[in-house]
Protein backbone atom coordinates (compact mmCIF):
# COMPACT_ATOMS: atom_id res chain seq x y z
CA MET A 1 -8.63 -16.49 9.66
CA LYS A 2 -7.45 -19.78 8.16
CA LYS A 3 -9.87 -21.62 5.69
CA THR A 4 -9.33 -25.04 4.30
CA ASP A 5 -10.72 -25.62 0.87
CA GLY A 6 -11.61 -29.09 -0.21
CA GLY A 7 -8.31 -29.99 -1.57
CA GLY A 8 -6.61 -29.55 1.73
CA ASP A 9 -4.85 -26.25 1.06
CA THR A 10 -4.99 -23.56 3.72
CA ARG A 11 -6.47 -20.43 2.25
CA TYR A 12 -6.10 -16.75 3.86
CA ARG A 13 -8.17 -13.69 3.47
CA GLY A 14 -6.76 -11.43 0.69
CA VAL A 15 -4.21 -14.10 -0.69
CA ARG A 16 -4.36 -15.87 -3.95
CA ARG A 17 -2.14 -18.37 -5.33
CA ARG A 18 -0.52 -17.68 -8.78
CA PRO A 19 -0.33 -20.49 -11.43
CA TRP A 20 3.56 -20.58 -11.01
CA GLY A 21 3.24 -21.10 -7.21
CA LYS A 22 3.78 -17.73 -5.77
CA PHE A 23 1.26 -15.93 -3.52
CA ALA A 24 -0.37 -12.59 -4.39
CA ALA A 25 -1.81 -10.24 -1.70
CA GLU A 26 -4.42 -7.54 -2.13
CA ILE A 27 -6.92 -5.71 -0.04
CA ARG A 28 -9.97 -3.68 -0.98
CA ASP A 29 -10.18 -0.07 0.27
CA SER A 30 -13.80 0.78 1.24
CA SER A 31 -12.94 4.43 1.29
CA ARG A 32 -12.28 4.18 -2.52
CA GLN A 33 -15.35 2.29 -3.61
CA GLY A 34 -13.72 -1.01 -3.07
CA ALA A 35 -10.72 -0.27 -5.14
CA ARG A 36 -8.12 -3.10 -5.00
CA ILE A 37 -4.83 -2.17 -3.36
CA TRP A 38 -1.87 -4.47 -4.54
CA LEU A 39 0.20 -5.56 -1.66
CA GLY A 40 2.76 -7.73 -3.39
CA THR A 41 3.65 -11.19 -4.38
CA PHE A 42 5.24 -13.44 -1.75
CA SER A 43 6.93 -16.96 -1.74
CA THR A 44 4.61 -18.37 1.04
CA ALA A 45 0.91 -17.88 1.78
CA GLU A 46 1.69 -16.89 5.48
CA GLU A 47 3.94 -13.95 4.29
CA ALA A 48 1.10 -12.71 1.96
CA ALA A 49 -1.45 -13.11 4.86
CA ARG A 50 0.72 -11.16 7.22
CA ALA A 51 1.08 -8.33 4.34
CA TYR A 52 -2.75 -8.35 4.25
CA ASP A 53 -3.10 -8.27 7.97
CA ARG A 54 -0.88 -5.16 8.25
CA ALA A 55 -2.57 -3.39 5.56
CA ALA A 56 -5.93 -4.19 7.03
CA TYR A 57 -4.90 -3.04 10.46
CA ARG A 58 -3.61 0.24 9.20
CA MET A 59 -6.98 0.78 7.31
CA ARG A 60 -9.49 -0.51 9.90
CA GLY A 61 -7.61 -0.68 13.19
CA SER A 62 -8.75 -2.84 16.00
CA LEU A 63 -11.91 -3.70 13.99
CA ALA A 64 -9.98 -5.33 11.18
CA VAL A 65 -10.57 -8.94 10.38
CA LEU A 66 -7.19 -10.65 10.46
CA ASN A 67 -5.68 -13.87 9.32
CA PHE A 68 -3.53 -14.10 12.35
CA PRO A 69 -5.69 -12.16 15.05
CA GLU A 70 -3.06 -13.32 17.90
CA GLU A 71 -0.42 -11.13 16.22
CA ALA A 72 -2.69 -7.85 16.19
CA HIS A 73 -0.56 -6.40 18.86
CA LEU A 74 2.44 -6.28 16.50
CA TYR A 75 0.32 -4.36 13.98
CA ALA A 76 -0.81 -1.97 16.68
CA ALA A 77 3.02 -1.39 17.59
CA GLU A 78 3.78 -0.83 14.02
CA ALA A 79 1.01 1.67 13.54
CA SER A 80 1.99 3.71 16.66
CA ALA A 81 5.76 3.73 15.57
CA VAL A 82 4.49 5.08 12.12
CA SER A 83 2.10 7.61 13.40
CA THR A 84 4.88 8.82 15.83
CA SER A 85 7.39 9.31 13.15
CA SER A 86 4.99 10.91 10.69
CA ALA A 87 3.82 13.25 13.49
CA ALA A 88 7.35 14.44 13.91
CA GLY A 89 7.50 14.99 10.12
CA GLU A 90 10.15 12.35 9.37
CA GLY A 91 10.22 10.74 6.02
CA ARG A 92 7.03 12.44 4.63
CA ARG A 93 6.66 12.26 0.98
CA GLU A 94 3.88 13.29 -1.17
CA VAL A 95 2.38 10.50 -3.26
CA ILE A 96 0.27 11.08 -6.23
CA GLU A 97 -1.71 8.18 -7.65
CA LEU A 98 -2.79 8.39 -11.12
CA GLU A 99 -4.77 5.69 -12.84
CA TYR A 100 -4.70 7.13 -16.41
CA LEU A 101 -3.44 10.19 -17.94
CA ASP A 102 -3.55 10.81 -21.78
CA GLU A 103 -0.22 11.91 -23.31
CA LYS A 104 -1.17 15.69 -23.53
CA VAL A 105 -2.06 15.87 -19.90
CA LEU A 106 1.24 14.25 -18.92
CA GLU A 107 3.29 16.46 -21.32
CA ASP A 108 1.63 19.45 -19.78
CA MET A 109 2.37 18.45 -16.39
CA LEU A 110 6.03 17.73 -17.10
CA LEU A 111 6.44 20.95 -19.00
CA ASP A 112 4.99 22.87 -16.03
CA SER A 113 7.24 21.31 -13.53
CA GLY A 114 10.21 21.75 -15.92
CA GLU A 115 9.45 25.53 -16.38
CA LYS A 116 9.16 25.88 -12.54
CA GLU A 117 12.55 24.34 -12.16
CA GLU A 118 14.03 26.71 -14.70
CA GLU A 119 12.48 29.75 -13.02
CA LYS A 120 14.03 28.64 -9.75
CA GLU A 121 17.49 28.15 -11.42
CA LYS A 122 17.15 31.76 -12.81
CA GLU A 123 16.25 33.29 -9.49
CA LYS A 124 19.29 31.63 -7.75
CA GLY A 125 21.40 33.22 -10.51
CA ARG A 126 20.15 36.74 -9.87
CA GLY A 127 20.28 36.42 -6.10
């Protein structure tokens, strides 16, 4: 979905131009009250727009509004490849997103995980 502003520049959904010339891409996640999800910084507006399209297709499937709707079949193939590999349990990682932790909470979490590791090591030594 290309738009041309008055200056002749082509604009894409989810893409902003940085003052130093790079292009930033982000998307809003409707399942998280419209929170912004950072997709990265890219050399060209088209690269950033394609990153947006991939993220939009992952979030919304065939209902996504894309910058390059003619490439939707590529995103569908990517999505099916990802779901196939995750269904097989390959490459699964647990990701925890934290917006803010005060130092006390962070220290407690680190100490808890460190104590658990020490317990595991002690059990290995006993067995």
